[in-house]
Amino acid sequence: MTEPARQLDTDPGLTRVGPVVSTYQSKLFASLFQLREINQRLTVLEIGTALPETVDFFSQFTCRLHFVDLFHEPFVTGQADLSETELRHAFEEQFRFSGDTRFDLCLFWDFLSYLDDPALRAFNSALRPWLHGGSRGYGFGVHHLAIRLANVQYGVHDRETLNLRERFTPQMRCQPHSHIEMREMFSSFDFERGLLLPDGKLEMLLKSRI
């Protein structure tokens, strides 16, 4: 069964779910599940809102879902005013899971591209204790600094299809990172595969370096 890890914010201004505005046919997302049996228990972290299609998709697995929507957290939107230590402590406060939690899958979507260098290092440090040697990640980066990200939420329709919904909260400033910078600052993961998309985004599969 699927279980939200925490009570979601009930403020409709923060949790409003927009309509599906487009879909994306992924060539990489399905590979997250190729080596997993349908009855194998999964522990999943999503940095985002619990969209209904994502919950429905993971209901086919014996699964625990942890949704942590950091996109509207004041310490994230105001990251430039905080030290790396302060940011790490703030992320750690959001990651108060049970002590035996270790994530098999982490769905970052485009969150990493909204973190500046200190915030990305802080996020990496706070997440690291909750990973194991087989943890894998999925998300989107940018190929070069001029790329603009759409202000959307991602939902999982099926293994090949992602839904894109309009996000109603203000968009944060994009903070793109090169492959080399990402490897240095987000050191809990390594690139497994990447796919450059026509709009300049980079679809990424990540594997644990733990």
N, C-alpha and C. Protein backbone atom coordinates (compact mmCIF):
# COMPACT_ATOMS: atom_id res chain seq x y z
N MET A 1 0.84 -1.19 0.00
CA MET A 1 0.00 0.00 0.00
C MET A 1 0.87 1.23 0.00
N THR A 2 0.27 2.37 -0.29
CA THR A 2 1.01 3.61 -0.26
C THR A 2 0.62 4.41 0.96
N GLU A 3 1.59 5.05 1.58
CA GLU A 3 1.35 5.80 2.80
C GLU A 3 2.09 7.13 2.72
N PRO A 4 1.36 8.27 2.73
CA PRO A 4 2.08 9.54 2.83
C PRO A 4 2.87 9.57 4.12
N ALA A 5 4.08 10.09 4.08
CA ALA A 5 4.94 10.07 5.24
C ALA A 5 4.56 11.12 6.26
N ARG A 6 3.83 12.17 5.83
CA ARG A 6 3.51 13.24 6.75
C ARG A 6 2.23 13.92 6.29
N GLN A 7 1.62 14.66 7.18
CA GLN A 7 0.44 15.42 6.81
C GLN A 7 0.84 16.53 5.83
N LEU A 8 0.16 16.59 4.69
CA LEU A 8 0.46 17.63 3.72
C LEU A 8 -0.19 18.93 4.14
N ASP A 9 0.44 20.03 3.77
CA ASP A 9 -0.09 21.36 4.06
C ASP A 9 -1.46 21.49 3.43
N THR A 10 -2.43 21.94 4.20
CA THR A 10 -3.79 22.01 3.70
C THR A 10 -4.18 23.40 3.21
N ASP A 11 -3.25 24.34 3.20
CA ASP A 11 -3.51 25.66 2.66
C ASP A 11 -3.75 25.55 1.16
N PRO A 12 -4.97 25.85 0.69
CA PRO A 12 -5.26 25.65 -0.74
C PRO A 12 -4.39 26.49 -1.65
N GLY A 13 -3.83 27.57 -1.14
CA GLY A 13 -2.95 28.38 -1.96
C GLY A 13 -1.63 27.72 -2.22
N LEU A 14 -1.28 26.72 -1.39
CA LEU A 14 0.00 26.04 -1.53
C LEU A 14 -0.15 24.67 -2.17
N THR A 15 -1.31 24.04 -1.99
CA THR A 15 -1.46 22.66 -2.45
C THR A 15 -2.43 22.54 -3.63
N ARG A 16 -2.87 23.64 -4.18
CA ARG A 16 -3.78 23.59 -5.32
C ARG A 16 -3.14 22.81 -6.46
N VAL A 17 -3.89 21.90 -7.02
CA VAL A 17 -3.39 21.07 -8.12
C VAL A 17 -3.98 21.58 -9.42
N GLY A 18 -3.12 21.94 -10.34
CA GLY A 18 -3.57 22.45 -11.62
C GLY A 18 -3.91 21.33 -12.58
N PRO A 19 -4.52 21.66 -13.71
CA PRO A 19 -4.83 20.65 -14.72
C PRO A 19 -3.56 20.16 -15.41
N VAL A 20 -3.66 18.99 -16.02
CA VAL A 20 -2.56 18.49 -16.84
C VAL A 20 -2.48 19.34 -18.10
N VAL A 21 -1.33 20.00 -18.30
CA VAL A 21 -1.18 20.88 -19.46
C VAL A 21 -0.43 20.20 -20.60
N SER A 22 0.33 19.14 -20.27
CA SER A 22 1.03 18.38 -21.31
C SER A 22 1.54 17.10 -20.69
N THR A 23 2.06 16.23 -21.53
CA THR A 23 2.67 14.99 -21.06
C THR A 23 4.06 14.87 -21.66
N TYR A 24 4.87 14.06 -21.01
CA TYR A 24 6.23 13.82 -21.49
C TYR A 24 6.46 12.32 -21.57
N GLN A 25 6.88 11.85 -22.72
CA GLN A 25 7.17 10.44 -22.93
C GLN A 25 8.64 10.20 -22.60
N SER A 26 8.89 9.57 -21.47
CA SER A 26 10.26 9.37 -21.00
C SER A 26 10.85 8.07 -21.53
N LYS A 27 12.12 8.15 -21.92
CA LYS A 27 12.85 6.96 -22.33
C LYS A 27 13.70 6.39 -21.20
N LEU A 28 13.72 7.08 -20.06
CA LEU A 28 14.59 6.66 -18.95
C LEU A 28 13.83 6.23 -17.70
N PHE A 29 12.65 6.79 -17.47
CA PHE A 29 11.97 6.58 -16.19
C PHE A 29 11.70 5.09 -15.94
N ALA A 30 11.31 4.35 -16.97
CA ALA A 30 10.96 2.94 -16.79
C ALA A 30 12.12 2.11 -16.26
N SER A 31 13.35 2.53 -16.57
CA SER A 31 14.50 1.73 -16.14
C SER A 31 14.67 1.72 -14.63
N LEU A 32 14.01 2.63 -13.93
CA LEU A 32 14.05 2.61 -12.46
C LEU A 32 13.42 1.34 -11.91
N PHE A 33 12.59 0.69 -12.70
CA PHE A 33 11.81 -0.44 -12.21
C PHE A 33 12.18 -1.75 -12.89
N GLN A 34 13.12 -1.75 -13.81
CA GLN A 34 13.41 -2.95 -14.59
C GLN A 34 13.93 -4.10 -13.73
N LEU A 35 14.67 -3.79 -12.69
CA LEU A 35 15.27 -4.84 -11.87
C LEU A 35 14.48 -5.11 -10.60
N ARG A 36 13.26 -4.57 -10.51
CA ARG A 36 12.48 -4.72 -9.30
C ARG A 36 11.25 -5.58 -9.55
N GLU A 37 11.02 -6.52 -8.68
CA GLU A 37 9.82 -7.35 -8.75
C GLU A 37 8.62 -6.52 -8.31
N ILE A 38 7.46 -6.83 -8.88
CA ILE A 38 6.27 -6.08 -8.60
C ILE A 38 5.88 -6.15 -7.12
N ASN A 39 6.29 -7.23 -6.44
CA ASN A 39 5.93 -7.38 -5.02
C ASN A 39 7.06 -6.97 -4.08
N GLN A 40 8.14 -6.42 -4.61
CA GLN A 40 9.23 -5.96 -3.76
C GLN A 40 8.84 -4.64 -3.12
N ARG A 41 9.09 -4.50 -1.84
CA ARG A 41 8.74 -3.28 -1.14
C ARG A 41 9.66 -2.14 -1.58
N LEU A 42 9.07 -1.01 -1.87
CA LEU A 42 9.80 0.17 -2.27
C LEU A 42 9.58 1.29 -1.24
N THR A 43 10.62 2.03 -0.99
CA THR A 43 10.51 3.24 -0.19
C THR A 43 10.93 4.40 -1.09
N VAL A 44 10.01 5.33 -1.29
CA VAL A 44 10.17 6.36 -2.31
C VAL A 44 10.09 7.75 -1.67
N LEU A 45 11.02 8.61 -2.03
CA LEU A 45 10.98 10.01 -1.66
C LEU A 45 10.65 10.83 -2.89
N GLU A 46 9.62 11.66 -2.80
CA GLU A 46 9.35 12.61 -3.87
C GLU A 46 9.47 14.02 -3.31
N ILE A 47 10.29 14.84 -3.96
CA ILE A 47 10.37 16.24 -3.62
C ILE A 47 9.27 16.95 -4.40
N GLY A 48 8.11 17.03 -3.80
CA GLY A 48 6.97 17.62 -4.48
C GLY A 48 5.67 17.24 -3.82
N THR A 49 4.58 17.65 -4.46
CA THR A 49 3.23 17.44 -3.97
C THR A 49 2.75 16.03 -4.32
N ALA A 50 1.91 15.48 -3.47
CA ALA A 50 1.33 14.16 -3.72
C ALA A 50 0.22 14.28 -4.77
N LEU A 51 0.59 14.16 -6.04
CA LEU A 51 -0.40 14.23 -7.10
C LEU A 51 -1.12 12.89 -7.23
N PRO A 52 -2.40 12.91 -7.57
CA PRO A 52 -3.19 11.67 -7.55
C PRO A 52 -2.67 10.59 -8.49
N GLU A 53 -2.17 10.98 -9.67
CA GLU A 53 -1.70 9.96 -10.60
C GLU A 53 -0.44 9.27 -10.09
N THR A 54 0.40 10.01 -9.36
CA THR A 54 1.61 9.40 -8.80
C THR A 54 1.25 8.38 -7.74
N VAL A 55 0.32 8.74 -6.86
CA VAL A 55 -0.14 7.80 -5.83
C VAL A 55 -0.76 6.58 -6.48
N ASP A 56 -1.58 6.78 -7.52
CA ASP A 56 -2.20 5.65 -8.22
C ASP A 56 -1.14 4.76 -8.85
N PHE A 57 -0.13 5.36 -9.48
CA PHE A 57 0.91 4.56 -10.13
C PHE A 57 1.62 3.67 -9.13
N PHE A 58 2.02 4.21 -7.99
CA PHE A 58 2.78 3.42 -7.03
C PHE A 58 1.91 2.45 -6.23
N SER A 59 0.60 2.53 -6.40
CA SER A 59 -0.27 1.57 -5.69
C SER A 59 -0.08 0.15 -6.21
N GLN A 60 0.57 -0.03 -7.37
CA GLN A 60 0.82 -1.38 -7.88
C GLN A 60 1.96 -2.06 -7.12
N PHE A 61 2.73 -1.28 -6.37
CA PHE A 61 3.84 -1.82 -5.60
C PHE A 61 3.47 -1.88 -4.12
N THR A 62 4.16 -2.77 -3.41
CA THR A 62 4.16 -2.68 -1.95
C THR A 62 5.10 -1.53 -1.63
N CYS A 63 4.56 -0.41 -1.19
CA CYS A 63 5.31 0.82 -1.30
C CYS A 63 4.96 1.78 -0.18
N ARG A 64 5.97 2.49 0.29
CA ARG A 64 5.76 3.63 1.18
C ARG A 64 6.28 4.88 0.48
N LEU A 65 5.38 5.86 0.32
CA LEU A 65 5.72 7.10 -0.35
C LEU A 65 5.90 8.22 0.66
N HIS A 66 6.98 8.94 0.53
CA HIS A 66 7.24 10.11 1.37
C HIS A 66 7.23 11.34 0.47
N PHE A 67 6.27 12.22 0.66
CA PHE A 67 6.19 13.45 -0.11
C PHE A 67 6.69 14.61 0.74
N VAL A 68 7.70 15.28 0.26
CA VAL A 68 8.25 16.45 0.95
C VAL A 68 8.29 17.58 -0.07
N ASP A 69 7.31 18.46 -0.01
CA ASP A 69 7.22 19.55 -0.98
C ASP A 69 8.02 20.74 -0.47
N LEU A 70 9.23 20.90 -1.01
CA LEU A 70 10.14 21.94 -0.57
C LEU A 70 10.05 23.20 -1.43
N PHE A 71 9.23 23.19 -2.46
CA PHE A 71 9.25 24.28 -3.42
C PHE A 71 8.76 25.61 -2.83
N HIS A 72 7.92 25.55 -1.79
CA HIS A 72 7.42 26.79 -1.22
C HIS A 72 7.93 27.04 0.20
N GLU A 73 8.89 26.24 0.65
CA GLU A 73 9.43 26.44 1.99
C GLU A 73 10.21 27.77 2.05
N PRO A 74 9.95 28.60 3.07
CA PRO A 74 10.62 29.90 3.15
C PRO A 74 12.15 29.81 3.14
N PHE A 75 12.69 28.77 3.77
CA PHE A 75 14.16 28.68 3.81
C PHE A 75 14.73 28.34 2.43
N VAL A 76 13.92 27.71 1.57
CA VAL A 76 14.37 27.42 0.20
C VAL A 76 14.23 28.66 -0.67
N THR A 77 13.10 29.32 -0.60
CA THR A 77 12.91 30.51 -1.41
C THR A 77 13.84 31.64 -0.98
N GLY A 78 14.25 31.62 0.30
CA GLY A 78 15.18 32.63 0.80
C GLY A 78 16.58 32.11 1.02
N GLN A 79 16.98 31.10 0.25
CA GLN A 79 18.24 30.41 0.46
C GLN A 79 19.46 31.32 0.40
N ALA A 80 19.39 32.39 -0.41
CA ALA A 80 20.55 33.27 -0.58
C ALA A 80 20.92 33.99 0.71
N ASP A 81 19.98 34.09 1.64
CA ASP A 81 20.22 34.82 2.89
C ASP A 81 20.69 33.91 4.02
N LEU A 82 20.85 32.63 3.76
CA LEU A 82 21.20 31.67 4.81
C LEU A 82 22.56 31.06 4.52
N SER A 83 23.24 30.65 5.59
CA SER A 83 24.52 29.96 5.44
C SER A 83 24.27 28.50 5.07
N GLU A 84 25.30 27.85 4.61
CA GLU A 84 25.17 26.43 4.27
C GLU A 84 24.79 25.61 5.49
N THR A 85 25.33 25.94 6.66
CA THR A 85 24.98 25.23 7.88
C THR A 85 23.51 25.41 8.23
N GLU A 86 23.03 26.63 8.11
CA GLU A 86 21.61 26.89 8.38
C GLU A 86 20.72 26.14 7.40
N LEU A 87 21.12 26.11 6.15
CA LEU A 87 20.33 25.39 5.15
C LEU A 87 20.32 23.90 5.43
N ARG A 88 21.48 23.34 5.80
CA ARG A 88 21.53 21.92 6.11
C ARG A 88 20.60 21.58 7.27
N HIS A 89 20.63 22.36 8.31
CA HIS A 89 19.76 22.11 9.46
C HIS A 89 18.28 22.21 9.06
N ALA A 90 17.96 23.16 8.18
CA ALA A 90 16.57 23.30 7.73
C ALA A 90 16.13 22.10 6.92
N PHE A 91 16.97 21.61 6.02
CA PHE A 91 16.63 20.40 5.28
C PHE A 91 16.50 19.21 6.24
N GLU A 92 17.38 19.11 7.20
CA GLU A 92 17.31 18.00 8.16
C GLU A 92 16.01 18.01 8.93
N GLU A 93 15.50 19.19 9.23
CA GLU A 93 14.21 19.28 9.91
C GLU A 93 13.08 18.73 9.04
N GLN A 94 13.19 18.90 7.74
CA GLN A 94 12.18 18.37 6.83
C GLN A 94 12.31 16.86 6.66
N PHE A 95 13.50 16.33 6.89
CA PHE A 95 13.77 14.91 6.68
C PHE A 95 13.76 14.14 8.00
N ARG A 96 12.73 14.35 8.79
CA ARG A 96 12.61 13.63 10.06
C ARG A 96 11.80 12.35 9.83
N PHE A 97 12.44 11.38 9.20
CA PHE A 97 11.81 10.09 8.95
C PHE A 97 12.14 9.13 10.08
N SER A 98 11.50 7.98 10.11
CA SER A 98 11.87 6.97 11.10
C SER A 98 13.31 6.53 10.85
N GLY A 99 13.99 6.15 11.92
CA GLY A 99 15.43 5.91 11.85
C GLY A 99 15.86 4.84 10.88
N ASP A 100 14.98 3.89 10.57
CA ASP A 100 15.36 2.79 9.68
C ASP A 100 15.01 3.07 8.22
N THR A 101 14.54 4.27 7.91
CA THR A 101 14.16 4.62 6.53
C THR A 101 15.39 4.73 5.64
N ARG A 102 15.33 4.04 4.51
CA ARG A 102 16.34 4.17 3.47
C ARG A 102 15.60 4.18 2.14
N PHE A 103 15.87 5.17 1.32
CA PHE A 103 15.10 5.34 0.09
C PHE A 103 15.66 4.52 -1.06
N ASP A 104 14.77 3.80 -1.72
CA ASP A 104 15.13 3.08 -2.94
C ASP A 104 15.11 4.01 -4.15
N LEU A 105 14.10 4.87 -4.19
CA LEU A 105 13.94 5.80 -5.31
C LEU A 105 13.75 7.21 -4.76
N CYS A 106 14.42 8.17 -5.41
CA CYS A 106 14.25 9.58 -5.07
C CYS A 106 13.83 10.32 -6.34
N LEU A 107 12.66 10.94 -6.31
CA LEU A 107 12.17 11.69 -7.45
C LEU A 107 12.40 13.17 -7.17
N PHE A 108 13.43 13.72 -7.79
CA PHE A 108 13.79 15.12 -7.55
C PHE A 108 13.10 16.07 -8.51
N TRP A 109 12.60 15.56 -9.64
CA TRP A 109 12.06 16.39 -10.71
C TRP A 109 13.06 17.49 -11.06
N ASP A 110 12.67 18.76 -11.03
CA ASP A 110 13.64 19.81 -11.38
C ASP A 110 14.13 20.59 -10.17
N PHE A 111 13.91 20.04 -8.96
CA PHE A 111 14.23 20.78 -7.73
C PHE A 111 15.71 21.15 -7.62
N LEU A 112 16.59 20.27 -8.06
CA LEU A 112 18.02 20.53 -7.91
C LEU A 112 18.46 21.77 -8.68
N SER A 113 17.74 22.11 -9.74
CA SER A 113 18.09 23.26 -10.55
C SER A 113 17.64 24.59 -9.94
N TYR A 114 16.96 24.53 -8.80
CA TYR A 114 16.56 25.74 -8.09
C TYR A 114 17.41 25.98 -6.84
N LEU A 115 18.45 25.17 -6.64
CA LEU A 115 19.31 25.32 -5.47
C LEU A 115 20.64 25.94 -5.88
N ASP A 116 21.06 26.98 -5.16
CA ASP A 116 22.39 27.53 -5.41
C ASP A 116 23.44 26.60 -4.82
N ASP A 117 24.70 26.93 -4.96
CA ASP A 117 25.76 26.00 -4.56
C ASP A 117 25.68 25.60 -3.09
N PRO A 118 25.59 26.55 -2.13
CA PRO A 118 25.49 26.15 -0.72
C PRO A 118 24.24 25.32 -0.44
N ALA A 119 23.12 25.68 -1.05
CA ALA A 119 21.88 24.94 -0.81
C ALA A 119 21.97 23.52 -1.37
N LEU A 120 22.60 23.35 -2.52
CA LEU A 120 22.74 22.01 -3.09
C LEU A 120 23.63 21.15 -2.21
N ARG A 121 24.72 21.70 -1.71
CA ARG A 121 25.58 20.94 -0.80
C ARG A 121 24.84 20.60 0.48
N ALA A 122 24.05 21.54 0.99
CA ALA A 122 23.29 21.31 2.21
C ALA A 122 22.24 20.22 2.01
N PHE A 123 21.54 20.28 0.88
CA PHE A 123 20.54 19.27 0.55
C PHE A 123 21.19 17.89 0.46
N ASN A 124 22.33 17.82 -0.18
CA ASN A 124 23.08 16.58 -0.32
C ASN A 124 23.44 16.00 1.06
N SER A 125 23.93 16.83 1.95
CA SER A 125 24.33 16.37 3.28
C SER A 125 23.14 15.88 4.09
N ALA A 126 22.02 16.58 3.98
CA ALA A 126 20.83 16.20 4.75
C ALA A 126 20.20 14.90 4.22
N LEU A 127 20.29 14.69 2.91
CA LEU A 127 19.68 13.49 2.30
C LEU A 127 20.54 12.25 2.49
N ARG A 128 21.83 12.41 2.53
CA ARG A 128 22.76 11.27 2.51
C ARG A 128 22.46 10.18 3.54
N PRO A 129 22.12 10.50 4.80
CA PRO A 129 21.86 9.43 5.77
C PRO A 129 20.67 8.53 5.43
N TRP A 130 19.81 8.98 4.51
CA TRP A 130 18.60 8.23 4.20
C TRP A 130 18.75 7.39 2.93
N LEU A 131 19.96 7.30 2.41
CA LEU A 131 20.22 6.53 1.19
C LEU A 131 20.94 5.23 1.52
N HIS A 132 20.94 4.31 0.56
CA HIS A 132 21.73 3.08 0.68
C HIS A 132 22.44 2.84 -0.64
N GLY A 133 23.21 1.78 -0.72
CA GLY A 133 24.04 1.53 -1.89
C GLY A 133 23.27 1.32 -3.17
N GLY A 134 22.01 0.93 -3.06
CA GLY A 134 21.20 0.71 -4.26
C GLY A 134 20.23 1.83 -4.57
N SER A 135 20.30 2.92 -3.84
CA SER A 135 19.37 4.04 -4.08
C SER A 135 19.57 4.61 -5.48
N ARG A 136 18.47 5.01 -6.10
CA ARG A 136 18.55 5.62 -7.42
C ARG A 136 17.71 6.89 -7.43
N GLY A 137 18.07 7.81 -8.29
CA GLY A 137 17.37 9.08 -8.37
C GLY A 137 16.97 9.39 -9.79
N TYR A 138 16.00 10.30 -9.91
CA TYR A 138 15.50 10.69 -11.23
C TYR A 138 15.14 12.17 -11.18
N GLY A 139 15.46 12.88 -12.25
CA GLY A 139 15.08 14.28 -12.30
C GLY A 139 15.52 14.92 -13.59
N PHE A 140 15.44 16.25 -13.61
CA PHE A 140 15.78 17.04 -14.78
C PHE A 140 16.78 18.12 -14.40
N GLY A 141 17.78 18.30 -15.24
CA GLY A 141 18.71 19.41 -15.09
C GLY A 141 18.64 20.27 -16.35
N VAL A 142 19.60 21.16 -16.49
CA VAL A 142 19.67 22.00 -17.69
C VAL A 142 21.03 21.82 -18.33
N HIS A 143 21.05 21.91 -19.66
CA HIS A 143 22.29 21.67 -20.40
C HIS A 143 23.19 22.89 -20.41
N HIS A 144 22.60 24.08 -20.37
CA HIS A 144 23.42 25.29 -20.31
C HIS A 144 22.63 26.39 -19.60
N LEU A 145 23.32 27.47 -19.25
CA LEU A 145 22.77 28.47 -18.34
C LEU A 145 21.58 29.21 -18.90
N ALA A 146 21.39 29.24 -20.20
CA ALA A 146 20.33 30.03 -20.79
C ALA A 146 18.97 29.34 -20.79
N ILE A 147 18.93 28.07 -20.42
CA ILE A 147 17.67 27.33 -20.45
C ILE A 147 16.72 27.85 -19.37
N ARG A 148 15.46 28.03 -19.76
CA ARG A 148 14.42 28.42 -18.81
C ARG A 148 13.55 27.21 -18.51
N LEU A 149 13.29 26.99 -17.24
CA LEU A 149 12.45 25.88 -16.81
C LEU A 149 11.00 26.33 -16.72
N ALA A 150 10.09 25.48 -17.14
CA ALA A 150 8.67 25.76 -16.98
C ALA A 150 8.28 25.57 -15.51
N ASN A 151 7.34 26.36 -15.04
CA ASN A 151 6.89 26.28 -13.65
C ASN A 151 5.79 25.23 -13.54
N VAL A 152 6.21 23.96 -13.48
CA VAL A 152 5.26 22.85 -13.53
C VAL A 152 5.53 21.86 -12.40
N GLN A 153 4.49 21.07 -12.13
CA GLN A 153 4.60 19.90 -11.26
C GLN A 153 4.60 18.66 -12.13
N TYR A 154 5.32 17.64 -11.68
CA TYR A 154 5.41 16.38 -12.42
C TYR A 154 4.63 15.29 -11.69
N GLY A 155 3.85 14.55 -12.45
CA GLY A 155 3.14 13.39 -11.92
C GLY A 155 3.43 12.18 -12.78
N VAL A 156 3.37 11.00 -12.17
CA VAL A 156 3.67 9.75 -12.88
C VAL A 156 2.37 9.12 -13.36
N HIS A 157 2.17 9.12 -14.68
CA HIS A 157 0.99 8.48 -15.25
C HIS A 157 1.23 6.98 -15.42
N ASP A 158 2.36 6.62 -16.04
CA ASP A 158 2.77 5.23 -16.14
C ASP A 158 4.28 5.20 -16.30
N ARG A 159 4.86 4.06 -16.62
CA ARG A 159 6.32 3.94 -16.63
C ARG A 159 6.97 4.73 -17.76
N GLU A 160 6.21 5.11 -18.74
CA GLU A 160 6.77 5.87 -19.86
C GLU A 160 6.23 7.30 -19.93
N THR A 161 5.22 7.64 -19.16
CA THR A 161 4.52 8.90 -19.34
C THR A 161 4.47 9.70 -18.04
N LEU A 162 4.93 10.95 -18.12
CA LEU A 162 4.80 11.88 -17.00
C LEU A 162 3.78 12.95 -17.36
N ASN A 163 2.94 13.29 -16.39
CA ASN A 163 2.03 14.42 -16.55
C ASN A 163 2.70 15.70 -16.07
N LEU A 164 2.49 16.78 -16.78
CA LEU A 164 2.98 18.08 -16.36
C LEU A 164 1.77 18.95 -16.04
N ARG A 165 1.75 19.45 -14.80
CA ARG A 165 0.65 20.30 -14.33
C ARG A 165 1.19 21.69 -14.01
N GLU A 166 0.36 22.68 -14.23
CA GLU A 166 0.75 24.05 -13.89
C GLU A 166 0.97 24.16 -12.39
N ARG A 167 2.07 24.81 -11.99
CA ARG A 167 2.34 25.08 -10.58
C ARG A 167 1.85 26.50 -10.27
N PHE A 168 1.07 26.62 -9.18
CA PHE A 168 0.47 27.91 -8.86
C PHE A 168 1.30 28.74 -7.89
N THR A 169 2.33 28.15 -7.31
CA THR A 169 3.21 28.93 -6.45
C THR A 169 4.25 29.65 -7.33
N PRO A 170 4.77 30.78 -6.85
CA PRO A 170 5.75 31.53 -7.66
C PRO A 170 6.98 30.69 -7.98
N GLN A 171 7.51 30.87 -9.16
CA GLN A 171 8.69 30.12 -9.58
C GLN A 171 9.94 30.72 -8.96
N MET A 172 10.80 29.85 -8.43
CA MET A 172 12.07 30.29 -7.89
C MET A 172 13.05 30.58 -9.02
N ARG A 173 14.11 31.27 -8.67
CA ARG A 173 15.17 31.55 -9.64
C ARG A 173 15.90 30.26 -9.99
N CYS A 174 16.13 30.05 -11.27
CA CYS A 174 16.86 28.86 -11.71
C CYS A 174 18.34 29.00 -11.38
N GLN A 175 18.92 27.91 -10.87
CA GLN A 175 20.34 27.89 -10.48
C GLN A 175 20.99 26.69 -11.17
N PRO A 176 21.24 26.77 -12.47
CA PRO A 176 21.75 25.59 -13.20
C PRO A 176 23.16 25.21 -12.78
N HIS A 177 23.43 23.91 -12.85
CA HIS A 177 24.74 23.38 -12.49
C HIS A 177 25.26 22.50 -13.62
N SER A 178 26.53 22.60 -13.89
CA SER A 178 27.15 21.74 -14.89
C SER A 178 27.27 20.32 -14.33
N HIS A 179 27.56 19.39 -15.23
CA HIS A 179 27.78 17.99 -14.83
C HIS A 179 28.88 17.91 -13.78
N ILE A 180 29.97 18.61 -13.97
CA ILE A 180 31.10 18.57 -13.03
C ILE A 180 30.70 19.16 -11.69
N GLU A 181 29.97 20.28 -11.72
CA GLU A 181 29.52 20.90 -10.47
C GLU A 181 28.55 19.99 -9.73
N MET A 182 27.65 19.37 -10.46
CA MET A 182 26.69 18.48 -9.83
C MET A 182 27.41 17.30 -9.17
N ARG A 183 28.38 16.73 -9.83
CA ARG A 183 29.11 15.60 -9.25
C ARG A 183 29.84 16.01 -7.97
N GLU A 184 30.36 17.23 -7.95
CA GLU A 184 31.10 17.69 -6.78
C GLU A 184 30.18 18.04 -5.61
N MET A 185 29.09 18.74 -5.88
CA MET A 185 28.25 19.25 -4.80
C MET A 185 27.13 18.31 -4.41
N PHE A 186 26.68 17.48 -5.34
CA PHE A 186 25.63 16.50 -5.05
C PHE A 186 26.28 15.12 -5.05
N SER A 187 27.21 14.95 -4.13
CA SER A 187 28.13 13.82 -4.16
C SER A 187 27.52 12.50 -3.69
N SER A 188 26.29 12.52 -3.19
CA SER A 188 25.64 11.27 -2.80
C SER A 188 25.21 10.45 -4.00
N PHE A 189 25.16 11.09 -5.17
CA PHE A 189 24.72 10.40 -6.38
C PHE A 189 25.73 10.62 -7.50
N ASP A 190 25.72 9.68 -8.42
CA ASP A 190 26.51 9.77 -9.64
C ASP A 190 25.55 9.65 -10.81
N PHE A 191 25.93 10.21 -11.96
CA PHE A 191 25.12 10.06 -13.16
C PHE A 191 25.17 8.61 -13.65
N GLU A 192 24.00 8.05 -13.89
CA GLU A 192 23.91 6.73 -14.51
C GLU A 192 23.64 6.86 -16.00
N ARG A 193 22.67 7.68 -16.35
CA ARG A 193 22.38 7.96 -17.76
C ARG A 193 21.82 9.37 -17.85
N GLY A 194 22.02 9.99 -18.99
CA GLY A 194 21.44 11.30 -19.25
C GLY A 194 20.93 11.38 -20.67
N LEU A 195 19.89 12.15 -20.87
CA LEU A 195 19.30 12.30 -22.19
C LEU A 195 19.01 13.78 -22.41
N LEU A 196 19.65 14.37 -23.43
CA LEU A 196 19.43 15.77 -23.75
C LEU A 196 18.14 15.90 -24.54
N LEU A 197 17.24 16.77 -24.05
CA LEU A 197 15.93 16.95 -24.66
C LEU A 197 15.94 18.14 -25.61
N PRO A 198 15.00 18.19 -26.55
CA PRO A 198 14.99 19.28 -27.54
C PRO A 198 14.91 20.67 -26.93
N ASP A 199 14.28 20.81 -25.76
CA ASP A 199 14.16 22.13 -25.14
C ASP A 199 15.38 22.52 -24.32
N GLY A 200 16.43 21.69 -24.34
CA GLY A 200 17.66 22.00 -23.63
C GLY A 200 17.74 21.44 -22.24
N LYS A 201 16.65 20.84 -21.75
CA LYS A 201 16.72 20.18 -20.45
C LYS A 201 17.47 18.86 -20.57
N LEU A 202 17.95 18.37 -19.44
CA LEU A 202 18.66 17.10 -19.39
C LEU A 202 17.90 16.16 -18.45
N GLU A 203 17.39 15.08 -19.01
CA GLU A 203 16.73 14.06 -18.19
C GLU A 203 17.83 13.19 -17.58
N MET A 204 17.74 12.94 -16.27
CA MET A 204 18.84 12.30 -15.56
C MET A 204 18.38 11.09 -14.76
N LEU A 205 19.14 10.01 -14.90
CA LEU A 205 19.06 8.89 -13.97
C LEU A 205 20.31 8.94 -13.10
N LEU A 206 20.13 8.80 -11.81
CA LEU A 206 21.23 8.89 -10.86
C LEU A 206 21.33 7.61 -10.06
N LYS A 207 22.54 7.25 -9.65
CA LYS A 207 22.73 6.08 -8.81
C LYS A 207 23.54 6.48 -7.59
N SER A 208 23.29 5.81 -6.51
CA SER A 208 23.94 6.15 -5.24
C SER A 208 25.44 5.95 -5.31
N ARG A 209 26.15 6.85 -4.65
CA ARG A 209 27.60 6.71 -4.47
C ARG A 209 27.91 6.32 -3.03
N ILE A 210 26.90 5.92 -2.28
CA ILE A 210 27.09 5.55 -0.87
C ILE A 210 27.92 4.28 -0.81
